C-alpha atoms as a PDB file:
ATOM      1  CA  MET A   1     -85.365 -66.059   4.778  1.00  0.00           C
ATOM      2  CA  MET A   2     -81.778 -65.032   3.900  1.00  0.00           C
ATOM      3  CA  GLY A   3     -81.146 -67.764   1.363  1.00  0.00           C
ATOM      4  CA  ALA A   4     -80.997 -67.849  -2.414  1.00  0.00           C
ATOM      5  CA  THR A   5     -84.488 -66.418  -2.806  1.00  0.00           C
ATOM      6  CA  PHE A   6     -83.567 -63.401  -0.687  1.00  0.00           C
ATOM      7  CA  VAL A   7     -80.451 -62.747  -2.779  1.00  0.00           C
ATOM      8  CA  GLN A   8     -82.392 -63.099  -6.016  1.00  0.00           C
ATOM      9  CA  LEU A   9     -85.484 -61.080  -5.129  1.00  0.00           C
ATOM     10  CA  ASP A  10     -84.717 -58.798  -2.200  1.00  0.00           C
ATOM     11  CA  LEU A  11     -81.006 -57.971  -2.066  1.00  0.00           C
ATOM     12  CA  ALA A  12     -80.827 -55.616  -5.063  1.00  0.00           C
ATOM     13  CA  PRO A  13     -83.936 -53.546  -4.112  1.00  0.00           C
ATOM     14  CA  LEU A  14     -82.654 -53.365  -0.536  1.00  0.00           C
ATOM     15  CA  LEU A  15     -79.233 -52.076  -1.583  1.00  0.00           C
ATOM     16  CA  ILE A  16     -80.600 -49.671  -4.196  1.00  0.00           C
ATOM     17  CA  GLY A  17     -83.096 -48.193  -1.742  1.00  0.00           C
ATOM     18  CA  THR A  18     -80.412 -47.849   0.926  1.00  0.00           C
ATOM     19  CA  LEU A  19     -77.896 -46.178  -1.402  1.00  0.00           C
ATOM     20  CA  ALA A  20     -80.562 -43.810  -2.730  1.00  0.00           C
ATOM     21  CA  ALA A  21     -81.549 -42.890   0.826  1.00  0.00           C
ATOM     22  CA  ILE A  22     -77.937 -42.151   1.813  1.00  0.00           C
ATOM     23  CA  ALA A  23     -77.262 -40.154  -1.373  1.00  0.00           C
ATOM     24  CA  CYS A  24     -80.273 -37.925  -0.666  1.00  0.00           C
ATOM     25  CA  ALA A  25     -79.784 -37.638   3.108  1.00  0.00           C
ATOM     26  CA  LEU A  26     -76.197 -36.329   2.919  1.00  0.00           C
ATOM     27  CA  PRO A  27     -76.932 -33.085   1.010  1.00  0.00           C
ATOM     28  CA  GLY A  28     -80.314 -32.958   2.756  1.00  0.00           C
ATOM     29  CA  ASN A  29     -78.556 -32.083   6.035  1.00  0.00           C
ATOM     30  CA  PHE A  30     -77.216 -28.829   4.610  1.00  0.00           C
ATOM     31  CA  LEU A  31     -80.453 -28.039   2.750  1.00  0.00           C
ATOM     32  CA  VAL A  32     -82.464 -28.426   5.965  1.00  0.00           C
ATOM     33  CA  LEU A  33     -80.061 -26.205   7.916  1.00  0.00           C
ATOM     34  CA  ARG A  34     -80.184 -23.581   5.146  1.00  0.00           C
ATOM     35  CA  ARG A  35     -84.013 -23.730   5.156  1.00  0.00           C
ATOM     36  CA  GLN A  36     -83.915 -24.981   1.548  1.00  0.00           C
ATOM     37  CA  ALA A  37     -85.356 -28.441   2.175  1.00  0.00           C
ATOM     38  CA  LEU A  38     -87.985 -27.928  -0.524  1.00  0.00           C
ATOM     39  CA  ILE A  39     -85.283 -27.809  -3.191  1.00  0.00           C
ATOM     40  CA  GLY A  40     -85.177 -31.622  -3.049  1.00  0.00           C
ATOM     41  CA  ASP A  41     -88.936 -31.742  -3.489  1.00  0.00           C
ATOM     42  CA  ALA A  42     -88.691 -29.344  -6.419  1.00  0.00           C
ATOM     43  CA  ILE A  43     -85.928 -31.250  -8.188  1.00  0.00           C
ATOM     44  CA  SER A  44     -87.609 -34.621  -7.759  1.00  0.00           C
ATOM     45  CA  HIS A  45     -90.705 -33.242  -9.480  1.00  0.00           C
ATOM     46  CA  VAL A  46     -89.103 -31.278 -12.298  1.00  0.00           C
ATOM     47  CA  VAL A  47     -87.088 -34.226 -13.609  1.00  0.00           C
ATOM     48  CA  LEU A  48     -90.310 -35.771 -14.970  1.00  0.00           C
ATOM     49  CA  PRO A  49     -90.692 -33.426 -17.984  1.00  0.00           C
ATOM     50  CA  GLY A  50     -86.971 -33.796 -18.708  1.00  0.00           C
ATOM     51  CA  ILE A  51     -87.234 -37.593 -18.784  1.00  0.00           C
ATOM     52  CA  VAL A  52     -90.338 -37.514 -20.986  1.00  0.00           C
ATOM     53  CA  VAL A  53     -88.786 -35.050 -23.430  1.00  0.00           C
ATOM     54  CA  ALA A  54     -85.594 -37.129 -23.549  1.00  0.00           C
ATOM     55  CA  PHE A  55     -87.649 -40.211 -24.469  1.00  0.00           C
ATOM     56  CA  LEU A  56     -89.582 -38.329 -27.149  1.00  0.00           C
ATOM     57  CA  LEU A  57     -86.341 -37.052 -28.698  1.00  0.00           C
ATOM     58  CA  THR A  58     -84.377 -40.311 -28.574  1.00  0.00           C
ATOM     59  CA  GLY A  59     -87.103 -42.983 -28.582  1.00  0.00           C
ATOM     60  CA  THR A  60     -85.237 -44.967 -25.949  1.00  0.00           C
ATOM     61  CA  ILE A  61     -85.347 -45.371 -22.191  1.00  0.00           C
ATOM     62  CA  ALA A  62     -81.621 -46.074 -21.900  1.00  0.00           C
ATOM     63  CA  THR A  63     -79.965 -44.706 -18.785  1.00  0.00           C
ATOM     64  CA  TRP A  64     -77.862 -41.903 -20.231  1.00  0.00           C
ATOM     65  CA  PRO A  65     -80.574 -40.139 -22.318  1.00  0.00           C
ATOM     66  CA  MET A  66     -82.878 -40.284 -19.303  1.00  0.00           C
ATOM     67  CA  MET A  67     -80.168 -38.954 -17.000  1.00  0.00           C
ATOM     68  CA  LEU A  68     -79.265 -36.140 -19.385  1.00  0.00           C
ATOM     69  CA  GLY A  69     -82.910 -35.157 -19.832  1.00  0.00           C
ATOM     70  CA  ALA A  70     -83.507 -35.154 -16.081  1.00  0.00           C
ATOM     71  CA  ALA A  71     -80.307 -33.228 -15.419  1.00  0.00           C
ATOM     72  CA  GLY A  72     -81.265 -30.639 -18.058  1.00  0.00           C
ATOM     73  CA  ALA A  73     -84.681 -30.192 -16.472  1.00  0.00           C
ATOM     74  CA  ALA A  74     -83.107 -29.839 -13.028  1.00  0.00           C
ATOM     75  CA  ILE A  75     -80.760 -27.119 -14.267  1.00  0.00           C
ATOM     76  CA  VAL A  76     -83.659 -25.302 -15.977  1.00  0.00           C
ATOM     77  CA  ALA A  77     -85.593 -25.487 -12.716  1.00  0.00           C
ATOM     78  CA  VAL A  78     -82.717 -24.057 -10.676  1.00  0.00           C
ATOM     79  CA  VAL A  79     -82.357 -21.169 -13.136  1.00  0.00           C
ATOM     80  CA  LEU A  80     -86.130 -20.524 -13.151  1.00  0.00           C
ATOM     81  CA  ILE A  81     -86.329 -20.604  -9.341  1.00  0.00           C
ATOM     82  CA  GLU A  82     -83.523 -18.072  -9.080  1.00  0.00           C
ATOM     83  CA  ALA A  83     -85.112 -15.897 -11.809  1.00  0.00           C
ATOM     84  CA  VAL A  84     -88.551 -15.953 -10.157  1.00  0.00           C
ATOM     85  CA  ARG A  85     -87.023 -15.185  -6.776  1.00  0.00           C
ATOM     86  CA  ARG A  86     -84.970 -12.239  -8.011  1.00  0.00           C
ATOM     87  CA  LEU A  87     -87.365 -10.763 -10.597  1.00  0.00           C
ATOM     88  CA  GLY A  88     -90.496 -11.344  -8.536  1.00  0.00           C
ATOM     89  CA  ARG A  89     -88.744 -10.504  -5.254  1.00  0.00           C
ATOM     90  CA  ILE A  90     -90.500 -13.325  -3.460  1.00  0.00           C
ATOM     91  CA  GLU A  91     -89.172 -15.755  -0.884  1.00  0.00           C
ATOM     92  CA  PRO A  92     -87.283 -18.866  -2.090  1.00  0.00           C
ATOM     93  CA  GLY A  93     -89.957 -21.291  -0.876  1.00  0.00           C
ATOM     94  CA  ALA A  94     -92.649 -19.607  -2.957  1.00  0.00           C
ATOM     95  CA  ALA A  95     -90.389 -19.533  -6.022  1.00  0.00           C
ATOM     96  CA  MET A  96     -89.684 -23.258  -5.661  1.00  0.00           C
ATOM     97  CA  GLY A  97     -93.385 -24.012  -5.263  1.00  0.00           C
ATOM     98  CA  VAL A  98     -94.309 -22.107  -8.405  1.00  0.00           C
ATOM     99  CA  VAL A  99     -91.595 -23.658 -10.576  1.00  0.00           C
ATOM    100  CA  PHE A 100     -91.796 -27.301  -9.501  1.00  0.00           C
ATOM    101  CA  THR A 101     -95.579 -27.527  -9.622  1.00  0.00           C
ATOM    102  CA  ALA A 102     -95.665 -25.868 -13.070  1.00  0.00           C
ATOM    103  CA  MET A 103     -92.937 -28.129 -14.474  1.00  0.00           C
ATOM    104  CA  PHE A 104     -94.373 -31.316 -12.929  1.00  0.00           C
ATOM    105  CA  ALA A 105     -97.812 -30.450 -14.319  1.00  0.00           C
ATOM    106  CA  ALA A 106     -96.245 -29.864 -17.741  1.00  0.00           C
ATOM    107  CA  GLY A 107     -94.605 -33.294 -17.521  1.00  0.00           C
ATOM    108  CA  VAL A 108     -97.927 -34.953 -16.679  1.00  0.00           C
ATOM    109  CA  LEU A 109     -99.635 -33.204 -19.613  1.00  0.00           C
ATOM    110  CA  ILE A 110     -96.888 -34.289 -22.008  1.00  0.00           C
ATOM    111  CA  LEU A 111     -97.222 -37.868 -20.729  1.00  0.00           C
ATOM    112  CA  GLU A 112    -100.966 -37.873 -21.330  1.00  0.00           C
ATOM    113  CA  GLN A 113    -100.694 -36.402 -24.813  1.00  0.00           C
ATOM    114  CA  THR A 114     -97.922 -38.662 -26.131  1.00  0.00           C
ATOM    115  CA  ASP A 115     -97.619 -42.379 -26.777  1.00  0.00           C
ATOM    116  CA  THR A 116     -95.610 -43.670 -23.837  1.00  0.00           C
ATOM    117  CA  SER A 117     -97.959 -46.535 -23.012  1.00  0.00           C
ATOM    118  CA  GLY A 118     -95.503 -49.193 -24.189  1.00  0.00           C
ATOM    119  CA  ILE A 119     -92.860 -48.263 -21.654  1.00  0.00           C
ATOM    120  CA  HIS A 120     -92.815 -47.756 -17.917  1.00  0.00           C
ATOM    121  CA  ILE A 121     -92.882 -43.957 -18.021  1.00  0.00           C
ATOM    122  CA  ASP A 122     -96.117 -42.899 -16.392  1.00  0.00           C
ATOM    123  CA  VAL A 123     -97.264 -40.865 -13.441  1.00  0.00           C
ATOM    124  CA  GLU A 124     -97.389 -43.899 -11.129  1.00  0.00           C
ATOM    125  CA  HIS A 125     -93.820 -44.830 -12.055  1.00  0.00           C
ATOM    126  CA  ALA A 126     -92.727 -41.246 -11.449  1.00  0.00           C
ATOM    127  CA  LEU A 127     -94.210 -41.315  -7.953  1.00  0.00           C
ATOM    128  CA  TYR A 128     -93.448 -44.851  -6.756  1.00  0.00           C
ATOM    129  CA  GLY A 129     -90.446 -45.788  -8.888  1.00  0.00           C
ATOM    130  CA  ASN A 130     -89.547 -49.259  -9.986  1.00  0.00           C
ATOM    131  CA  LEU A 131     -87.918 -50.707  -6.880  1.00  0.00           C
ATOM    132  CA  GLU A 132     -89.782 -54.032  -6.601  1.00  0.00           C
ATOM    133  CA  SER A 133     -88.916 -55.067 -10.162  1.00  0.00           C
ATOM    134  CA  LEU A 134     -85.150 -54.552  -9.738  1.00  0.00           C
ATOM    135  CA  ILE A 135     -84.448 -58.205  -9.010  1.00  0.00           C
ATOM    136  CA  TRP A 136     -81.220 -60.153  -9.643  1.00  0.00           C
ATOM    137  CA  LEU A 137     -82.462 -63.018 -11.788  1.00  0.00           C
ATOM    138  CA  SER A 138     -79.128 -64.754 -12.371  1.00  0.00           C
ATOM    139  CA  ALA A 139     -78.274 -64.936  -8.650  1.00  0.00           C
ATOM    140  CA  ARG A 140     -78.149 -68.447  -7.215  1.00  0.00           C
ATOM    141  CA  GLY A 141     -77.239 -67.559  -3.637  1.00  0.00           C
ATOM    142  CA  TRP A 142     -74.627 -65.565  -1.717  1.00  0.00           C
ATOM    143  CA  GLY A 143     -71.897 -67.167  -3.812  1.00  0.00           C
ATOM    144  CA  SER A 144     -73.133 -65.129  -6.780  1.00  0.00           C
ATOM    145  CA  LEU A 145     -71.526 -62.071  -5.154  1.00  0.00           C
ATOM    146  CA  LEU A 146     -68.175 -63.572  -6.197  1.00  0.00           C
ATOM    147  CA  ASP A 147     -69.314 -64.733  -9.640  1.00  0.00           C
ATOM    148  CA  PRO A 148     -68.338 -62.245 -12.395  1.00  0.00           C
ATOM    149  CA  ALA A 149     -70.954 -63.640 -14.788  1.00  0.00           C
ATOM    150  CA  ALA A 150     -73.729 -63.212 -12.225  1.00  0.00           C
ATOM    151  CA  LEU A 151     -72.482 -59.776 -11.172  1.00  0.00           C
ATOM    152  CA  ALA A 152     -72.654 -58.628 -14.812  1.00  0.00           C
ATOM    153  CA  ASP A 153     -76.402 -59.247 -14.659  1.00  0.00           C
ATOM    154  CA  LEU A 154     -77.022 -56.950 -11.682  1.00  0.00           C
ATOM    155  CA  PRO A 155     -79.681 -54.285 -12.236  1.00  0.00           C
ATOM    156  CA  PRO A 156     -77.843 -51.246 -13.691  1.00  0.00           C
ATOM    157  CA  GLU A 157     -79.459 -49.039 -11.066  1.00  0.00           C
ATOM    158  CA  LEU A 158     -77.339 -50.682  -8.344  1.00  0.00           C
ATOM    159  CA  PRO A 159     -73.846 -49.735  -9.618  1.00  0.00           C
ATOM    160  CA  ARG A 160     -75.199 -46.335 -10.662  1.00  0.00           C
ATOM    161  CA  MET A 161     -76.514 -45.555  -7.184  1.00  0.00           C
ATOM    162  CA  ALA A 162     -73.321 -46.935  -5.608  1.00  0.00           C
ATOM    163  CA  VAL A 163     -71.181 -44.576  -7.705  1.00  0.00           C
ATOM    164  CA  VAL A 164     -73.428 -41.580  -6.998  1.00  0.00           C
ATOM    165  CA  ALA A 165     -73.592 -42.275  -3.246  1.00  0.00           C
ATOM    166  CA  ALA A 166     -69.802 -42.683  -3.075  1.00  0.00           C
ATOM    167  CA  LEU A 167     -69.285 -39.489  -5.096  1.00  0.00           C
ATOM    168  CA  ILE A 168     -71.589 -37.475  -2.832  1.00  0.00           C
ATOM    169  CA  ALA A 169     -69.904 -38.852   0.304  1.00  0.00           C
ATOM    170  CA  LEU A 170     -66.497 -37.952  -1.147  1.00  0.00           C
ATOM    171  CA  LEU A 171     -67.584 -34.410  -2.080  1.00  0.00           C
ATOM    172  CA  THR A 172     -69.117 -33.916   1.365  1.00  0.00           C
ATOM    173  CA  ALA A 173     -65.833 -34.912   2.991  1.00  0.00           C
ATOM    174  CA  LEU A 174     -63.689 -32.792   0.654  1.00  0.00           C
ATOM    175  CA  PHE A 175     -65.794 -29.620   1.017  1.00  0.00           C
ATOM    176  CA  TRP A 176     -66.797 -30.159   4.646  1.00  0.00           C
ATOM    177  CA  ARG A 177     -65.279 -26.983   6.079  1.00  0.00           C
ATOM    178  CA  PRO A 178     -66.587 -24.503   3.436  1.00  0.00           C
ATOM    179  CA  LEU A 179     -69.980 -26.190   3.509  1.00  0.00           C
ATOM    180  CA  LYS A 180     -70.134 -25.964   7.298  1.00  0.00           C
ATOM    181  CA  LEU A 181     -69.007 -22.341   7.453  1.00  0.00           C
ATOM    182  CA  SER A 182     -71.303 -21.100   4.673  1.00  0.00           C
ATOM    183  CA  THR A 183     -74.264 -23.021   6.099  1.00  0.00           C
ATOM    184  CA  PHE A 184     -74.079 -21.558   9.604  1.00  0.00           C
ATOM    185  CA  ASP A 185     -72.735 -18.070   8.843  1.00  0.00           C
ATOM    186  CA  GLU A 186     -72.695 -17.059   5.187  1.00  0.00           C
ATOM    187  CA  GLY A 187     -71.434 -13.535   5.953  1.00  0.00           C
ATOM    188  CA  PHE A 188     -68.478 -14.814   7.983  1.00  0.00           C
ATOM    189  CA  ALA A 189     -67.658 -17.353   5.266  1.00  0.00           C
ATOM    190  CA  ALA A 190     -67.644 -14.549   2.694  1.00  0.00           C
ATOM    191  CA  THR A 191     -65.229 -12.491   4.794  1.00  0.00           C
ATOM    192  CA  LEU A 192     -62.856 -15.472   4.761  1.00  0.00           C
ATOM    193  CA  GLY A 193     -62.906 -15.363   0.970  1.00  0.00           C
ATOM    194  CA  LEU A 194     -65.078 -18.410   0.441  1.00  0.00           C
ATOM    195  CA  PRO A 195     -67.240 -18.303  -2.724  1.00  0.00           C
ATOM    196  CA  VAL A 196     -70.548 -18.692  -0.889  1.00  0.00           C
ATOM    197  CA  ALA A 197     -72.689 -18.329  -4.025  1.00  0.00           C
ATOM    198  CA  ALA A 198     -70.720 -21.045  -5.823  1.00  0.00           C
ATOM    199  CA  ILE A 199     -70.897 -23.300  -2.745  1.00  0.00           C
ATOM    200  CA  SER A 200     -74.675 -22.820  -2.566  1.00  0.00           C
ATOM    201  CA  PHE A 201     -75.064 -23.577  -6.277  1.00  0.00           C
ATOM    202  CA  GLY A 202     -72.769 -26.592  -5.987  1.00  0.00           C
ATOM    203  CA  LEU A 203     -74.881 -27.959  -3.131  1.00  0.00           C
ATOM    204  CA  VAL A 204     -78.014 -27.664  -5.276  1.00  0.00           C
ATOM    205  CA  VAL A 205     -76.247 -29.395  -8.176  1.00  0.00           C
ATOM    206  CA  VAL A 206     -75.201 -32.263  -5.896  1.00  0.00           C
ATOM    207  CA  ALA A 207     -78.781 -32.551  -4.652  1.00  0.00           C
ATOM    208  CA  ALA A 208     -79.937 -32.619  -8.283  1.00  0.00           C
ATOM    209  CA  VAL A 209     -77.483 -35.411  -9.119  1.00  0.00           C
ATOM    210  CA  ALA A 210     -78.762 -37.478  -6.188  1.00  0.00           C
ATOM    211  CA  ALA A 211     -82.392 -36.860  -7.126  1.00  0.00           C
ATOM    212  CA  VAL A 212     -81.879 -37.667 -10.808  1.00  0.00           C
ATOM    213  CA  ALA A 213     -79.923 -40.852 -10.095  1.00  0.00           C
ATOM    214  CA  ALA A 214     -82.513 -42.084  -7.605  1.00  0.00           C
ATOM    215  CA  PHE A 215     -85.608 -40.966  -9.483  1.00  0.00           C
ATOM    216  CA  ASP A 216     -85.884 -43.814 -12.008  1.00  0.00           C
ATOM    217  CA  ALA A 217     -85.341 -46.569  -9.457  1.00  0.00           C
ATOM    218  CA  VAL A 218     -87.168 -45.351  -6.379  1.00  0.00           C
ATOM    219  CA  GLY A 219     -89.499 -42.580  -7.581  1.00  0.00           C
ATOM    220  CA  SER A 220     -90.086 -39.097  -6.302  1.00  0.00           C
ATOM    221  CA  ILE A 221     -91.757 -40.111  -3.006  1.00  0.00           C
ATOM    222  CA  ILE A 222     -88.589 -41.632  -1.548  1.00  0.00           C
ATOM    223  CA  VAL A 223     -86.428 -38.828  -2.937  1.00  0.00           C
ATOM    224  CA  ILE A 224     -88.550 -36.180  -1.239  1.00  0.00           C
ATOM    225  CA  ALA A 225     -88.751 -38.128   2.026  1.00  0.00           C
ATOM    226  CA  MET A 226     -85.025 -38.874   2.178  1.00  0.00           C
ATOM    227  CA  PHE A 227     -84.011 -35.269   1.519  1.00  0.00           C
ATOM    228  CA  ILE A 228     -86.031 -34.086   4.503  1.00  0.00           C
ATOM    229  CA  CYS A 229     -86.998 -36.758   7.057  1.00  0.00           C
ATOM    230  CA  PRO A 230     -83.621 -38.306   8.073  1.00  0.00           C
ATOM    231  CA  PRO A 231     -81.806 -34.922   8.306  1.00  0.00           C
ATOM    232  CA  ALA A 232     -84.725 -33.311  10.157  1.00  0.00           C
ATOM    233  CA  ALA A 233     -84.916 -36.226  12.613  1.00  0.00           C
ATOM    234  CA  ALA A 234     -81.136 -36.138  13.054  1.00  0.00           C
ATOM    235  CA  ARG A 235     -81.318 -32.402  13.789  1.00  0.00           C
ATOM    236  CA  LEU A 236     -83.473 -33.239  16.804  1.00  0.00           C
ATOM    237  CA  MET A 237     -80.907 -35.725  18.124  1.00  0.00           C
ATOM    238  CA  THR A 238     -77.809 -33.522  18.390  1.00  0.00           C
ATOM    239  CA  ASN A 239     -76.509 -29.967  18.096  1.00  0.00           C
ATOM    240  CA  ARG A 240     -73.253 -30.967  16.374  1.00  0.00           C
ATOM    241  CA  LEU A 241     -73.167 -31.162  12.581  1.00  0.00           C
ATOM    242  CA  GLU A 242     -70.834 -34.156  12.443  1.00  0.00           C
ATOM    243  CA  ARG A 243     -73.145 -36.213  14.646  1.00  0.00           C
ATOM    244  CA  GLN A 244     -76.201 -34.947  12.780  1.00  0.00           C
ATOM    245  CA  VAL A 245     -74.829 -36.269   9.486  1.00  0.00           C
ATOM    246  CA  ALA A 246     -74.048 -39.624  11.120  1.00  0.00           C
ATOM    247  CA  TRP A 247     -77.558 -39.797  12.630  1.00  0.00           C
ATOM    248  CA  SER A 248     -79.129 -38.921   9.261  1.00  0.00           C
ATOM    249  CA  VAL A 249     -77.250 -41.717   7.497  1.00  0.00           C
ATOM    250  CA  ALA A 250     -78.319 -44.171  10.213  1.00  0.00           C
ATOM    251  CA  PHE A 251     -81.959 -43.051   9.907  1.00  0.00           C
ATOM    252  CA  ALA A 252     -81.781 -43.283   6.102  1.00  0.00           C
ATOM    253  CA  ILE A 253     -80.468 -46.864   6.274  1.00  0.00           C
ATOM    254  CA  LEU A 254     -83.078 -47.808   8.888  1.00  0.00           C
ATOM    255  CA  SER A 255     -85.860 -46.325   6.748  1.00  0.00           C
ATOM    256  CA  ALA A 256     -84.727 -48.102   3.571  1.00  0.00           C
ATOM    257  CA  VAL A 257     -84.108 -51.501   5.141  1.00  0.00           C
ATOM    258  CA  GLY A 258     -87.124 -51.421   7.444  1.00  0.00           C
ATOM    259  CA  GLY A 259     -89.433 -50.059   4.756  1.00  0.00           C
ATOM    260  CA  THR A 260     -88.377 -52.593   2.133  1.00  0.00           C
ATOM    261  CA  ILE A 261     -88.796 -55.536   4.514  1.00  0.00           C
ATOM    262  CA  LEU A 262     -92.135 -54.311   5.875  1.00  0.00           C
ATOM    263  CA  ALA A 263     -93.469 -53.669   2.368  1.00  0.00           C
ATOM    264  CA  GLY A 264     -92.735 -57.219   1.273  1.00  0.00           C
ATOM    265  CA  ARG A 265     -93.281 -59.198   4.471  1.00  0.00           C
ATOM    266  CA  GLY A 266     -95.521 -57.009   6.616  1.00  0.00           C
ATOM    267  CA  PRO A 267     -98.832 -57.753   4.867  1.00  0.00           C
ATOM    268  CA  LEU A 268     -98.052 -61.500   4.948  1.00  0.00           C
ATOM    269  CA  TRP A 269     -97.333 -61.348   8.687  1.00  0.00           C
ATOM    270  CA  LEU A 270    -100.734 -59.723   9.161  1.00  0.00           C
ATOM    271  CA  GLY A 271    -102.533 -62.336   7.083  1.00  0.00           C
ATOM    272  CA  GLY A 272    -102.652 -60.356   3.826  1.00  0.00           C
ATOM    273  CA  GLU A 273    -101.920 -61.810   0.420  1.00  0.00           C
ATOM    274  CA  HIS A 274    -100.175 -58.975  -1.399  1.00  0.00           C
ATOM    275  CA  ALA A 275     -97.139 -56.824  -0.733  1.00  0.00           C
ATOM    276  CA  VAL A 276     -97.460 -53.050  -0.670  1.00  0.00           C
ATOM    277  CA  SER A 277     -95.402 -50.341  -2.345  1.00  0.00           C
ATOM    278  CA  ALA A 278     -91.824 -50.374  -1.105  1.00  0.00           C
ATOM    279  CA  ALA A 279     -91.405 -46.683  -1.906  1.00  0.00           C
ATOM    280  CA  GLY A 280     -94.497 -45.762   0.070  1.00  0.00           C
ATOM    281  CA  MET A 281     -93.447 -47.922   3.037  1.00  0.00           C
ATOM    282  CA  ILE A 282     -89.893 -46.510   3.097  1.00  0.00           C
ATOM    283  CA  ALA A 283     -91.274 -42.973   3.117  1.00  0.00           C
ATOM    284  CA  THR A 284     -93.741 -43.960   5.854  1.00  0.00           C
ATOM    285  CA  VAL A 285     -91.003 -45.462   8.040  1.00  0.00           C
ATOM    286  CA  SER A 286     -88.912 -42.308   7.640  1.00  0.00           C
ATOM    287  CA  GLY A 287     -91.949 -40.256   8.676  1.00  0.00           C
ATOM    288  CA  VAL A 288     -92.453 -42.426  11.759  1.00  0.00           C
ATOM    289  CA  ILE A 289     -88.791 -41.956  12.696  1.00  0.00           C
ATOM    290  CA  LEU A 290     -89.192 -38.185  12.359  1.00  0.00           C
ATOM    291  CA  ALA A 291     -92.349 -38.286  14.490  1.00  0.00           C
ATOM    292  CA  LEU A 292     -90.528 -40.254  17.214  1.00  0.00           C
ATOM    293  CA  ALA A 293     -87.636 -37.794  17.088  1.00  0.00           C
ATOM    294  CA  CYS A 294     -90.117 -34.929  17.499  1.00  0.00           C
ATOM    295  CA  LEU A 295     -91.540 -36.633  20.578  1.00  0.00           C
ATOM    296  CA  PHE A 296     -88.378 -37.960  22.222  1.00  0.00           C
ATOM    297  CA  GLY A 297     -85.368 -36.292  20.542  1.00  0.00           C
ATOM    298  CA  PRO A 298     -83.084 -34.663  23.171  1.00  0.00           C
ATOM    299  CA  HIS A 299     -82.796 -31.410  21.200  1.00  0.00           C
ATOM    300  CA  ARG A 300     -86.400 -31.103  20.028  1.00  0.00           C
ATOM    301  CA  ALA A 301     -86.991 -27.977  22.178  1.00  0.00           C
ATOM    302  CA  ARG A 302     -84.693 -25.903  19.960  1.00  0.00           C
ATOM    303  CA  ILE A 303     -87.392 -25.961  17.281  1.00  0.00           C
ATOM    304  CA  GLY A 304     -90.554 -24.149  18.294  1.00  0.00           C
ATOM    305  CA  ALA A 305     -91.083 -23.040  21.860  1.00  0.00           C
ATOM    306  CA  ALA A 306     -88.084 -22.591  24.116  1.00  0.00           C
ATOM    307  CA  ARG A 307     -87.483 -24.864  27.073  1.00  0.00           C
ATOM    308  CA  GLU A 308     -89.062 -23.754  30.295  1.00  0.00           C
ATOM    309  CA  GLY A 309     -86.801 -22.261  32.923  1.00  0.00           C
END
């Protein structure tokens, strides 16, 4: 099960899914605590029109044009959400809902009206990603991990997600104190001289980077699930932020690994003939973890009704 076939077919999707889950879960902790969890949902949807427009302008699906197009769309979305919220004087959740549904719908319409049939840009790809096809063809076993020629043939999504996940972990560590202070008490953080508006915008930008990097490989379903489910489940396990972040990373890894294995092997164990969507299974596992945390988490009573007595 863990031989050459596993390295060739399963290792890269497993690592990419895990890194994407961690990259989304880390900023997701602060977004959930700030009641901005939907920002991840919004960003993962609005990158679609940016990617489509980037393809139409450049005629290529190379990584950098796609990333730039998605990043541009994410920035436009953040500006529009802020404009709708301030000019319309409506709550942030409603502003996000208006902007991301409008931009995602525009992306779908552009897809339908343009010739993108020869490439893998379509609505299904946007939702479910491309995780199953990210195999390591030149791998011949675990020894390939030490072979420079074989490593050069790794799916480009793997080093990209590794760099993004490491960058987000580094930024989280560097800005831990201002992030923590501004998340729990924005007024107190402002009195200390911290630039709370810049910190809030920086957090959204980091979330956008994670969503854009993960979008092409794993699709919007995993991005949305990983921004919300692991941090929300972790919130029910502890009342300390440090432990919450650690729990969220553990839940993200468990969701990615468990979901990828169950998607590929689960149907065969049950007598089926075909694997199911890895993205859908990873999101499902993360939802199950959240449901279990809601039922058995030691701090679940802090959300909703107060404990008796």
